[in-house]
Amino acid sequence: MNNNMTRELWLTQAVAELTTLFEAEGFEVPAVRVSIGWPHGGRKTTIGQCFPGTLAADGVGQVFISPVLDDPVRILDVLLHELVHAINHTEGKSGHGKDFKTIAVKMGLTGKMTATVASEELTATLTTIAKGLGDFPHASLGPAPAAAKSRSGKTIKLACPAGEDFVVSISKSRLEMYGTPKCPCHDEAMEVA
């Protein structure tokens, strides 16, 4: 094991390896910075997030992998998913719609597009890449702490579970009375933001 290997160096090398896979399918991965960090809003179920370069002062996209993950193959799987977003961001596209699905499926991601997993064939490829990268220098952390309630304590912010920027506020009593509303972006139950 390389004692000088950091999480970010491992992830940067992983991006280079995954870029080769994308190029073999005709896709160009833009420059990104990748790190371990809690997703925007601290959503407990979000395990990866990609921010477009248009949000960064230097124009370079940012990818974050949740610190709850420590399995190198799963991290590569999530990183590949986020790189699909990075590719789409260069085209001004976001979300998990048709453009995302076209690339994701071609790369070997399966399942619901908001929560993809690697196919058997892709898992085998990612396992080989993970072995080549060596041990991932990270120990998983517990889930992010629950988001704080509003100052008044009477309303709760809810957000799109897919990481889109759709947020609503609802009173605690209405939430208890009617249940969690569905996100209009993906028709999924919203989560505490």
N, C-alpha and C. Protein backbone atom coordinates (compact mmCIF):
# COMPACT_ATOMS: atom_id res chain seq x y z
N MET A 1 0.83 -1.19 0.00
CA MET A 1 0.00 0.00 0.00
C MET A 1 0.87 1.24 0.00
N ASN A 2 0.46 2.24 -0.75
CA ASN A 2 1.16 3.52 -0.80
C ASN A 2 0.77 4.34 0.42
N ASN A 3 1.70 4.57 1.35
CA ASN A 3 1.40 5.31 2.58
C ASN A 3 1.11 6.78 2.32
N ASN A 4 1.45 7.29 1.15
CA ASN A 4 1.18 8.68 0.82
C ASN A 4 -0.16 8.86 0.09
N MET A 5 -0.87 7.78 -0.13
CA MET A 5 -2.13 7.83 -0.85
C MET A 5 -3.19 8.49 0.03
N THR A 6 -3.82 9.52 -0.48
CA THR A 6 -4.93 10.17 0.21
C THR A 6 -6.21 9.75 -0.49
N ARG A 7 -7.33 10.03 0.14
CA ARG A 7 -8.61 9.71 -0.48
C ARG A 7 -8.74 10.45 -1.82
N GLU A 8 -8.37 11.74 -1.81
CA GLU A 8 -8.53 12.54 -3.02
C GLU A 8 -7.62 12.06 -4.14
N LEU A 9 -6.40 11.65 -3.81
CA LEU A 9 -5.50 11.12 -4.83
C LEU A 9 -6.07 9.82 -5.40
N TRP A 10 -6.56 8.94 -4.53
CA TRP A 10 -7.17 7.69 -4.97
C TRP A 10 -8.34 7.99 -5.90
N LEU A 11 -9.20 8.92 -5.49
CA LEU A 11 -10.37 9.28 -6.30
C LEU A 11 -9.97 9.93 -7.63
N THR A 12 -8.94 10.75 -7.61
CA THR A 12 -8.46 11.39 -8.84
C THR A 12 -7.93 10.33 -9.80
N GLN A 13 -7.20 9.37 -9.28
CA GLN A 13 -6.72 8.27 -10.12
C GLN A 13 -7.89 7.43 -10.62
N ALA A 14 -8.92 7.29 -9.79
CA ALA A 14 -10.11 6.55 -10.20
C ALA A 14 -10.81 7.26 -11.36
N VAL A 15 -10.89 8.59 -11.30
CA VAL A 15 -11.49 9.35 -12.40
C VAL A 15 -10.72 9.08 -13.69
N ALA A 16 -9.40 9.06 -13.62
CA ALA A 16 -8.59 8.78 -14.82
C ALA A 16 -8.91 7.40 -15.38
N GLU A 17 -9.03 6.41 -14.51
CA GLU A 17 -9.36 5.04 -14.95
C GLU A 17 -10.76 4.99 -15.57
N LEU A 18 -11.73 5.64 -14.93
CA LEU A 18 -13.10 5.63 -15.44
C LEU A 18 -13.21 6.42 -16.73
N THR A 19 -12.40 7.47 -16.86
CA THR A 19 -12.41 8.26 -18.09
C THR A 19 -12.08 7.37 -19.29
N THR A 20 -11.17 6.43 -19.11
CA THR A 20 -10.82 5.49 -20.18
C THR A 20 -12.05 4.68 -20.60
N LEU A 21 -12.85 4.25 -19.62
CA LEU A 21 -14.07 3.49 -19.94
C LEU A 21 -15.05 4.36 -20.72
N PHE A 22 -15.20 5.60 -20.30
CA PHE A 22 -16.12 6.51 -21.01
C PHE A 22 -15.63 6.76 -22.43
N GLU A 23 -14.34 6.99 -22.58
CA GLU A 23 -13.78 7.26 -23.92
C GLU A 23 -14.00 6.08 -24.85
N ALA A 24 -13.91 4.86 -24.32
CA ALA A 24 -14.12 3.66 -25.14
C ALA A 24 -15.56 3.61 -25.69
N GLU A 25 -16.48 4.30 -25.00
CA GLU A 25 -17.88 4.35 -25.45
C GLU A 25 -18.20 5.66 -26.18
N GLY A 26 -17.17 6.49 -26.39
CA GLY A 26 -17.37 7.72 -27.16
C GLY A 26 -17.78 8.94 -26.35
N PHE A 27 -17.60 8.91 -25.03
CA PHE A 27 -17.97 10.03 -24.17
C PHE A 27 -16.73 10.72 -23.63
N GLU A 28 -16.78 12.04 -23.53
CA GLU A 28 -15.65 12.82 -23.02
C GLU A 28 -15.98 13.32 -21.61
N VAL A 29 -15.18 12.91 -20.65
CA VAL A 29 -15.36 13.33 -19.26
C VAL A 29 -14.67 14.68 -19.09
N PRO A 30 -15.39 15.69 -18.59
CA PRO A 30 -14.76 16.99 -18.37
C PRO A 30 -13.88 16.95 -17.12
N ALA A 31 -13.07 17.98 -16.96
CA ALA A 31 -12.25 18.08 -15.74
C ALA A 31 -13.18 18.20 -14.54
N VAL A 32 -12.89 17.44 -13.50
CA VAL A 32 -13.64 17.52 -12.25
C VAL A 32 -12.66 17.39 -11.08
N ARG A 33 -13.09 17.94 -9.97
CA ARG A 33 -12.40 17.69 -8.70
C ARG A 33 -13.30 16.73 -7.93
N VAL A 34 -12.70 15.76 -7.28
CA VAL A 34 -13.50 14.76 -6.58
C VAL A 34 -12.99 14.61 -5.15
N SER A 35 -13.93 14.46 -4.24
CA SER A 35 -13.58 14.40 -2.83
C SER A 35 -14.63 13.60 -2.07
N ILE A 36 -14.32 13.31 -0.84
CA ILE A 36 -15.28 12.71 0.08
C ILE A 36 -15.92 13.86 0.84
N GLY A 37 -17.23 13.86 0.92
CA GLY A 37 -17.92 14.92 1.66
C GLY A 37 -19.41 14.67 1.70
N TRP A 38 -20.05 15.25 2.71
CA TRP A 38 -21.49 15.09 2.85
C TRP A 38 -22.19 15.79 1.71
N PRO A 39 -23.21 15.17 1.14
CA PRO A 39 -23.96 15.80 0.06
C PRO A 39 -24.64 17.07 0.54
N HIS A 40 -24.93 17.95 -0.40
CA HIS A 40 -25.62 19.20 -0.13
C HIS A 40 -26.91 18.91 0.62
N GLY A 41 -27.12 19.59 1.73
CA GLY A 41 -28.34 19.39 2.50
C GLY A 41 -28.26 18.25 3.49
N GLY A 42 -27.16 17.50 3.48
CA GLY A 42 -26.98 16.42 4.44
C GLY A 42 -27.96 15.27 4.27
N ARG A 43 -28.48 15.06 3.07
CA ARG A 43 -29.46 13.99 2.86
C ARG A 43 -28.83 12.63 3.18
N LYS A 44 -29.49 11.88 4.01
CA LYS A 44 -28.95 10.61 4.46
C LYS A 44 -28.86 9.57 3.35
N THR A 45 -29.73 9.65 2.36
CA THR A 45 -29.73 8.62 1.33
C THR A 45 -28.90 8.99 0.11
N THR A 46 -28.45 10.23 0.01
CA THR A 46 -27.64 10.65 -1.13
C THR A 46 -26.21 10.21 -0.90
N ILE A 47 -25.67 9.41 -1.84
CA ILE A 47 -24.32 8.88 -1.66
C ILE A 47 -23.31 9.47 -2.63
N GLY A 48 -23.77 10.32 -3.53
CA GLY A 48 -22.88 11.00 -4.45
C GLY A 48 -23.57 12.23 -4.98
N GLN A 49 -22.78 13.23 -5.35
CA GLN A 49 -23.35 14.46 -5.89
C GLN A 49 -22.33 15.14 -6.78
N CYS A 50 -22.83 15.68 -7.89
CA CYS A 50 -21.97 16.36 -8.86
C CYS A 50 -22.49 17.78 -9.05
N PHE A 51 -21.60 18.74 -8.89
CA PHE A 51 -21.94 20.14 -9.12
C PHE A 51 -21.28 20.58 -10.42
N PRO A 52 -22.04 21.25 -11.29
CA PRO A 52 -21.47 21.67 -12.57
C PRO A 52 -20.39 22.73 -12.41
N GLY A 53 -19.49 22.78 -13.36
CA GLY A 53 -18.42 23.77 -13.35
C GLY A 53 -18.94 25.19 -13.36
N THR A 54 -20.16 25.40 -13.85
CA THR A 54 -20.73 26.75 -13.88
C THR A 54 -20.93 27.31 -12.48
N LEU A 55 -20.94 26.45 -11.46
CA LEU A 55 -21.09 26.92 -10.08
C LEU A 55 -19.74 27.21 -9.42
N ALA A 56 -18.66 26.77 -10.02
CA ALA A 56 -17.33 26.94 -9.44
C ALA A 56 -16.64 28.17 -10.02
N ALA A 57 -15.92 28.89 -9.19
CA ALA A 57 -15.23 30.10 -9.63
C ALA A 57 -14.24 29.81 -10.75
N ASP A 58 -13.65 28.61 -10.75
CA ASP A 58 -12.67 28.28 -11.79
C ASP A 58 -13.26 27.46 -12.94
N GLY A 59 -14.56 27.20 -12.89
CA GLY A 59 -15.22 26.48 -13.98
C GLY A 59 -15.05 24.97 -13.96
N VAL A 60 -14.45 24.43 -12.91
CA VAL A 60 -14.23 22.98 -12.82
C VAL A 60 -15.32 22.35 -11.96
N GLY A 61 -16.00 21.34 -12.50
CA GLY A 61 -17.05 20.65 -11.76
C GLY A 61 -16.51 19.99 -10.50
N GLN A 62 -17.41 19.77 -9.56
CA GLN A 62 -17.04 19.18 -8.27
C GLN A 62 -17.90 17.94 -8.01
N VAL A 63 -17.26 16.85 -7.65
CA VAL A 63 -17.97 15.61 -7.33
C VAL A 63 -17.66 15.25 -5.88
N PHE A 64 -18.71 14.91 -5.14
CA PHE A 64 -18.55 14.48 -3.76
C PHE A 64 -19.14 13.09 -3.59
N ILE A 65 -18.40 12.24 -2.91
CA ILE A 65 -18.84 10.89 -2.58
C ILE A 65 -19.07 10.88 -1.07
N SER A 66 -20.20 10.35 -0.65
CA SER A 66 -20.55 10.36 0.77
C SER A 66 -19.54 9.57 1.60
N PRO A 67 -19.19 10.10 2.77
CA PRO A 67 -18.25 9.39 3.64
C PRO A 67 -18.83 8.14 4.31
N VAL A 68 -20.11 7.84 4.09
CA VAL A 68 -20.64 6.59 4.63
C VAL A 68 -20.14 5.40 3.84
N LEU A 69 -19.68 5.64 2.61
CA LEU A 69 -19.19 4.55 1.77
C LEU A 69 -17.72 4.25 2.05
N ASP A 70 -17.36 2.97 2.03
CA ASP A 70 -15.95 2.62 2.14
C ASP A 70 -15.55 1.44 1.25
N ASP A 71 -16.53 0.84 0.58
CA ASP A 71 -16.23 -0.26 -0.35
C ASP A 71 -15.74 0.34 -1.67
N PRO A 72 -14.49 0.07 -2.05
CA PRO A 72 -13.92 0.68 -3.26
C PRO A 72 -14.72 0.44 -4.54
N VAL A 73 -15.29 -0.73 -4.70
CA VAL A 73 -16.06 -1.02 -5.92
C VAL A 73 -17.34 -0.19 -5.93
N ARG A 74 -18.00 -0.08 -4.80
CA ARG A 74 -19.22 0.74 -4.73
C ARG A 74 -18.87 2.22 -4.93
N ILE A 75 -17.76 2.65 -4.40
CA ILE A 75 -17.33 4.04 -4.60
C ILE A 75 -17.09 4.31 -6.08
N LEU A 76 -16.46 3.38 -6.78
CA LEU A 76 -16.24 3.54 -8.22
C LEU A 76 -17.57 3.57 -8.96
N ASP A 77 -18.50 2.74 -8.55
CA ASP A 77 -19.84 2.69 -9.13
C ASP A 77 -20.53 4.05 -8.99
N VAL A 78 -20.50 4.60 -7.77
CA VAL A 78 -21.13 5.91 -7.51
C VAL A 78 -20.38 7.00 -8.27
N LEU A 79 -19.06 6.94 -8.29
CA LEU A 79 -18.27 7.93 -9.02
C LEU A 79 -18.61 7.90 -10.51
N LEU A 80 -18.78 6.72 -11.08
CA LEU A 80 -19.14 6.62 -12.49
C LEU A 80 -20.49 7.30 -12.73
N HIS A 81 -21.44 7.06 -11.84
CA HIS A 81 -22.76 7.71 -11.92
C HIS A 81 -22.60 9.23 -11.93
N GLU A 82 -21.78 9.75 -11.03
CA GLU A 82 -21.59 11.20 -10.93
C GLU A 82 -20.86 11.75 -12.16
N LEU A 83 -19.99 10.97 -12.75
CA LEU A 83 -19.31 11.42 -13.98
C LEU A 83 -20.28 11.50 -15.15
N VAL A 84 -21.33 10.67 -15.13
CA VAL A 84 -22.37 10.81 -16.15
C VAL A 84 -23.01 12.20 -16.01
N HIS A 85 -23.26 12.61 -14.76
CA HIS A 85 -23.79 13.96 -14.54
C HIS A 85 -22.81 15.02 -15.05
N ALA A 86 -21.53 14.83 -14.78
CA ALA A 86 -20.53 15.80 -15.22
C ALA A 86 -20.54 15.95 -16.74
N ILE A 87 -20.67 14.85 -17.43
CA ILE A 87 -20.74 14.88 -18.90
C ILE A 87 -21.98 15.67 -19.33
N ASN A 88 -23.11 15.37 -18.72
CA ASN A 88 -24.35 16.08 -19.07
C ASN A 88 -24.29 17.56 -18.73
N HIS A 89 -23.61 17.90 -17.65
CA HIS A 89 -23.49 19.31 -17.27
C HIS A 89 -22.79 20.12 -18.36
N THR A 90 -21.85 19.50 -19.06
CA THR A 90 -21.15 20.24 -20.12
C THR A 90 -22.09 20.57 -21.28
N GLU A 91 -23.21 19.85 -21.35
CA GLU A 91 -24.21 20.09 -22.38
C GLU A 91 -25.36 20.94 -21.85
N GLY A 92 -25.22 21.42 -20.60
CA GLY A 92 -26.27 22.22 -19.99
C GLY A 92 -27.46 21.39 -19.50
N LYS A 93 -27.24 20.09 -19.32
CA LYS A 93 -28.32 19.18 -18.90
C LYS A 93 -28.10 18.73 -17.46
N SER A 94 -29.18 18.43 -16.77
CA SER A 94 -29.08 17.93 -15.40
C SER A 94 -30.19 16.92 -15.15
N GLY A 95 -30.15 16.31 -14.00
CA GLY A 95 -31.17 15.34 -13.63
C GLY A 95 -30.88 13.94 -14.14
N HIS A 96 -31.89 13.09 -14.01
CA HIS A 96 -31.75 11.67 -14.35
C HIS A 96 -32.67 11.27 -15.49
N GLY A 97 -32.93 12.18 -16.40
CA GLY A 97 -33.82 11.93 -17.53
C GLY A 97 -33.17 11.13 -18.65
N LYS A 98 -33.74 11.29 -19.84
CA LYS A 98 -33.33 10.51 -21.02
C LYS A 98 -31.84 10.65 -21.33
N ASP A 99 -31.32 11.89 -21.29
CA ASP A 99 -29.90 12.10 -21.62
C ASP A 99 -28.99 11.37 -20.62
N PHE A 100 -29.35 11.43 -19.35
CA PHE A 100 -28.58 10.73 -18.32
C PHE A 100 -28.66 9.22 -18.57
N LYS A 101 -29.88 8.72 -18.76
CA LYS A 101 -30.09 7.28 -18.91
C LYS A 101 -29.33 6.72 -20.11
N THR A 102 -29.31 7.45 -21.21
CA THR A 102 -28.61 6.98 -22.41
C THR A 102 -27.16 6.66 -22.10
N ILE A 103 -26.48 7.57 -21.42
CA ILE A 103 -25.07 7.36 -21.09
C ILE A 103 -24.93 6.29 -20.01
N ALA A 104 -25.73 6.40 -18.95
CA ALA A 104 -25.62 5.48 -17.81
C ALA A 104 -25.78 4.02 -18.24
N VAL A 105 -26.79 3.75 -19.04
CA VAL A 105 -27.04 2.37 -19.48
C VAL A 105 -25.90 1.88 -20.37
N LYS A 106 -25.42 2.75 -21.26
CA LYS A 106 -24.31 2.35 -22.14
C LYS A 106 -23.05 2.04 -21.33
N MET A 107 -22.89 2.72 -20.20
CA MET A 107 -21.72 2.49 -19.35
C MET A 107 -21.87 1.26 -18.45
N GLY A 108 -23.09 0.73 -18.35
CA GLY A 108 -23.29 -0.48 -17.54
C GLY A 108 -23.99 -0.24 -16.22
N LEU A 109 -24.60 0.93 -16.04
CA LEU A 109 -25.37 1.19 -14.83
C LEU A 109 -26.79 0.68 -15.04
N THR A 110 -27.37 0.10 -14.00
CA THR A 110 -28.70 -0.47 -14.09
C THR A 110 -29.58 0.06 -12.97
N GLY A 111 -30.85 -0.31 -13.03
CA GLY A 111 -31.80 0.05 -11.98
C GLY A 111 -32.40 1.42 -12.21
N LYS A 112 -33.03 1.92 -11.16
CA LYS A 112 -33.64 3.23 -11.19
C LYS A 112 -32.53 4.26 -11.39
N MET A 113 -32.72 5.19 -12.29
CA MET A 113 -31.65 6.13 -12.64
C MET A 113 -31.26 7.06 -11.50
N THR A 114 -32.13 7.27 -10.53
CA THR A 114 -31.76 8.10 -9.37
C THR A 114 -30.95 7.31 -8.35
N ALA A 115 -30.88 6.00 -8.53
CA ALA A 115 -30.15 5.15 -7.58
C ALA A 115 -29.56 3.96 -8.33
N THR A 116 -28.69 4.23 -9.29
CA THR A 116 -28.15 3.16 -10.12
C THR A 116 -27.18 2.26 -9.38
N VAL A 117 -27.00 1.08 -9.93
CA VAL A 117 -25.99 0.14 -9.46
C VAL A 117 -25.29 -0.43 -10.70
N ALA A 118 -24.10 -0.89 -10.51
CA ALA A 118 -23.33 -1.46 -11.62
C ALA A 118 -23.89 -2.83 -12.00
N SER A 119 -23.91 -3.09 -13.31
CA SER A 119 -24.28 -4.41 -13.81
C SER A 119 -23.19 -5.40 -13.39
N GLU A 120 -23.44 -6.68 -13.59
CA GLU A 120 -22.43 -7.69 -13.27
C GLU A 120 -21.13 -7.44 -14.03
N GLU A 121 -21.27 -7.15 -15.32
CA GLU A 121 -20.10 -6.92 -16.16
C GLU A 121 -19.33 -5.68 -15.69
N LEU A 122 -20.06 -4.60 -15.41
CA LEU A 122 -19.39 -3.38 -14.93
C LEU A 122 -18.76 -3.61 -13.57
N THR A 123 -19.43 -4.36 -12.69
CA THR A 123 -18.86 -4.66 -11.38
C THR A 123 -17.53 -5.38 -11.52
N ALA A 124 -17.44 -6.32 -12.44
CA ALA A 124 -16.17 -7.04 -12.67
C ALA A 124 -15.08 -6.07 -13.12
N THR A 125 -15.43 -5.15 -14.02
CA THR A 125 -14.46 -4.15 -14.48
C THR A 125 -14.04 -3.24 -13.34
N LEU A 126 -15.00 -2.79 -12.53
CA LEU A 126 -14.69 -1.90 -11.40
C LEU A 126 -13.85 -2.61 -10.34
N THR A 127 -14.09 -3.90 -10.17
CA THR A 127 -13.29 -4.69 -9.22
C THR A 127 -11.83 -4.71 -9.66
N THR A 128 -11.60 -4.89 -10.95
CA THR A 128 -10.23 -4.87 -11.49
C THR A 128 -9.59 -3.50 -11.29
N ILE A 129 -10.35 -2.44 -11.56
CA ILE A 129 -9.83 -1.08 -11.37
C ILE A 129 -9.49 -0.85 -9.91
N ALA A 130 -10.39 -1.26 -9.01
CA ALA A 130 -10.17 -1.07 -7.57
C ALA A 130 -8.90 -1.78 -7.11
N LYS A 131 -8.67 -2.99 -7.61
CA LYS A 131 -7.45 -3.73 -7.24
C LYS A 131 -6.21 -2.98 -7.71
N GLY A 132 -6.28 -2.41 -8.91
CA GLY A 132 -5.15 -1.65 -9.45
C GLY A 132 -4.87 -0.37 -8.67
N LEU A 133 -5.93 0.24 -8.13
CA LEU A 133 -5.76 1.48 -7.36
C LEU A 133 -5.23 1.20 -5.95
N GLY A 134 -5.44 0.01 -5.45
CA GLY A 134 -5.00 -0.33 -4.10
C GLY A 134 -6.05 0.04 -3.07
N ASP A 135 -5.68 -0.14 -1.81
CA ASP A 135 -6.61 0.12 -0.72
C ASP A 135 -7.12 1.56 -0.76
N PHE A 136 -8.40 1.72 -0.48
CA PHE A 136 -8.98 3.05 -0.39
C PHE A 136 -8.73 3.56 1.03
N PRO A 137 -7.96 4.65 1.18
CA PRO A 137 -7.56 5.12 2.51
C PRO A 137 -8.68 5.90 3.22
N HIS A 138 -9.69 5.16 3.65
CA HIS A 138 -10.85 5.80 4.26
C HIS A 138 -11.60 4.79 5.10
N ALA A 139 -12.13 5.22 6.21
CA ALA A 139 -13.03 4.40 7.02
C ALA A 139 -14.39 5.10 7.00
N SER A 140 -15.44 4.32 6.83
CA SER A 140 -16.77 4.93 6.71
C SER A 140 -17.16 5.68 7.99
N LEU A 141 -17.92 6.73 7.77
CA LEU A 141 -18.50 7.49 8.88
C LEU A 141 -19.98 7.18 8.93
N GLY A 142 -20.58 7.38 10.10
CA GLY A 142 -22.03 7.19 10.21
C GLY A 142 -22.75 8.19 9.33
N PRO A 143 -24.06 8.04 9.17
CA PRO A 143 -24.80 8.97 8.32
C PRO A 143 -24.72 10.40 8.86
N ALA A 144 -24.95 11.34 7.96
CA ALA A 144 -24.93 12.76 8.33
C ALA A 144 -25.97 13.01 9.40
N PRO A 145 -25.68 13.93 10.31
CA PRO A 145 -26.67 14.24 11.34
C PRO A 145 -27.94 14.81 10.70
N ALA A 146 -29.05 14.59 11.36
CA ALA A 146 -30.32 15.10 10.83
C ALA A 146 -30.26 16.62 10.69
N ALA A 147 -30.89 17.11 9.64
CA ALA A 147 -30.91 18.55 9.40
C ALA A 147 -31.68 19.24 10.51
N ALA A 148 -31.24 20.44 10.83
CA ALA A 148 -31.91 21.22 11.87
C ALA A 148 -33.27 21.68 11.39
N LYS A 149 -34.20 21.77 12.33
CA LYS A 149 -35.52 22.29 12.00
C LYS A 149 -35.43 23.80 11.84
N SER A 150 -36.49 24.36 11.31
CA SER A 150 -36.51 25.81 11.14
C SER A 150 -36.43 26.50 12.50
N ARG A 151 -36.12 27.78 12.50
CA ARG A 151 -35.98 28.54 13.74
C ARG A 151 -37.24 28.49 14.59
N SER A 152 -38.38 28.53 13.94
CA SER A 152 -39.63 28.52 14.70
C SER A 152 -39.94 27.13 15.22
N GLY A 153 -39.37 26.12 14.60
CA GLY A 153 -39.63 24.75 15.01
C GLY A 153 -40.97 24.24 14.51
N LYS A 154 -41.72 25.09 13.78
CA LYS A 154 -43.04 24.70 13.31
C LYS A 154 -43.06 24.27 11.86
N THR A 155 -42.06 24.65 11.07
CA THR A 155 -42.01 24.23 9.68
C THR A 155 -40.77 23.39 9.44
N ILE A 156 -40.88 22.53 8.44
CA ILE A 156 -39.79 21.63 8.09
C ILE A 156 -39.52 21.82 6.60
N LYS A 157 -38.24 21.89 6.23
CA LYS A 157 -37.87 21.97 4.82
C LYS A 157 -37.73 20.56 4.28
N LEU A 158 -38.31 20.34 3.10
CA LEU A 158 -38.20 19.07 2.40
C LEU A 158 -37.55 19.32 1.05
N ALA A 159 -36.77 18.35 0.58
CA ALA A 159 -36.05 18.51 -0.69
C ALA A 159 -36.21 17.29 -1.57
N CYS A 160 -35.96 17.49 -2.85
CA CYS A 160 -35.97 16.42 -3.84
C CYS A 160 -34.95 15.36 -3.43
N PRO A 161 -35.33 14.08 -3.36
CA PRO A 161 -34.39 13.03 -2.95
C PRO A 161 -33.28 12.77 -3.96
N ALA A 162 -33.45 13.23 -5.19
CA ALA A 162 -32.45 13.00 -6.23
C ALA A 162 -31.38 14.08 -6.24
N GLY A 163 -31.46 15.02 -5.31
CA GLY A 163 -30.42 16.04 -5.23
C GLY A 163 -30.69 17.26 -6.08
N GLU A 164 -31.86 17.36 -6.69
CA GLU A 164 -32.18 18.55 -7.48
C GLU A 164 -32.45 19.69 -6.51
N ASP A 165 -32.49 20.90 -6.99
CA ASP A 165 -32.65 22.08 -6.14
C ASP A 165 -34.11 22.42 -5.91
N PHE A 166 -34.98 21.43 -5.71
CA PHE A 166 -36.39 21.68 -5.43
C PHE A 166 -36.60 21.49 -3.94
N VAL A 167 -36.97 22.58 -3.24
CA VAL A 167 -37.14 22.57 -1.80
C VAL A 167 -38.48 23.21 -1.46
N VAL A 168 -39.19 22.63 -0.49
CA VAL A 168 -40.44 23.21 -0.01
C VAL A 168 -40.41 23.23 1.51
N SER A 169 -41.21 24.12 2.09
CA SER A 169 -41.39 24.15 3.54
C SER A 169 -42.81 23.70 3.83
N ILE A 170 -42.96 22.94 4.89
CA ILE A 170 -44.28 22.43 5.28
C ILE A 170 -44.35 22.46 6.80
N SER A 171 -45.53 22.74 7.30
CA SER A 171 -45.68 22.74 8.75
C SER A 171 -45.60 21.32 9.27
N LYS A 172 -45.12 21.21 10.48
CA LYS A 172 -45.00 19.89 11.09
C LYS A 172 -46.37 19.23 11.20
N SER A 173 -47.38 20.01 11.54
CA SER A 173 -48.72 19.45 11.69
C SER A 173 -49.28 18.96 10.35
N ARG A 174 -49.05 19.71 9.26
CA ARG A 174 -49.51 19.27 7.93
C ARG A 174 -48.76 18.02 7.49
N LEU A 175 -47.48 17.97 7.78
CA LEU A 175 -46.69 16.79 7.42
C LEU A 175 -47.24 15.56 8.13
N GLU A 176 -47.56 15.71 9.41
CA GLU A 176 -48.12 14.58 10.16
C GLU A 176 -49.53 14.23 9.67
N MET A 177 -50.30 15.25 9.28
CA MET A 177 -51.68 15.04 8.85
C MET A 177 -51.76 14.37 7.47
N TYR A 178 -50.96 14.87 6.50
CA TYR A 178 -51.07 14.42 5.12
C TYR A 178 -49.93 13.53 4.64
N GLY A 179 -48.86 13.47 5.40
CA GLY A 179 -47.71 12.68 4.98
C GLY A 179 -46.75 13.48 4.11
N THR A 180 -45.68 12.83 3.71
CA THR A 180 -44.64 13.49 2.92
C THR A 180 -45.10 13.70 1.48
N PRO A 181 -44.98 14.93 0.96
CA PRO A 181 -45.37 15.17 -0.43
C PRO A 181 -44.37 14.54 -1.40
N LYS A 182 -44.83 14.33 -2.64
CA LYS A 182 -43.94 13.81 -3.68
C LYS A 182 -43.26 14.96 -4.41
N CYS A 183 -42.01 14.74 -4.78
CA CYS A 183 -41.26 15.73 -5.55
C CYS A 183 -41.81 15.76 -6.97
N PRO A 184 -42.10 16.93 -7.51
CA PRO A 184 -42.61 17.00 -8.88
C PRO A 184 -41.55 16.66 -9.93
N CYS A 185 -40.26 16.70 -9.55
CA CYS A 185 -39.18 16.39 -10.49
C CYS A 185 -39.12 14.90 -10.81
N HIS A 186 -39.29 14.07 -9.77
CA HIS A 186 -39.06 12.63 -9.95
C HIS A 186 -40.18 11.76 -9.40
N ASP A 187 -41.26 12.39 -8.88
CA ASP A 187 -42.41 11.67 -8.35
C ASP A 187 -42.02 10.71 -7.22
N GLU A 188 -41.08 11.16 -6.37
CA GLU A 188 -40.64 10.37 -5.22
C GLU A 188 -40.92 11.17 -3.96
N ALA A 189 -41.08 10.46 -2.85
CA ALA A 189 -41.31 11.13 -1.57
C ALA A 189 -40.13 12.05 -1.27
N MET A 190 -40.43 13.27 -0.85
CA MET A 190 -39.37 14.23 -0.53
C MET A 190 -38.74 13.86 0.80
N GLU A 191 -37.54 14.41 1.06
CA GLU A 191 -36.79 14.11 2.29
C GLU A 191 -36.50 15.40 3.04
N VAL A 192 -36.27 15.27 4.34
CA VAL A 192 -35.90 16.43 5.14
C VAL A 192 -34.61 17.03 4.58
N ALA A 193 -34.64 18.32 4.33
CA ALA A 193 -33.47 19.00 3.73
C ALA A 193 -32.48 19.40 4.79
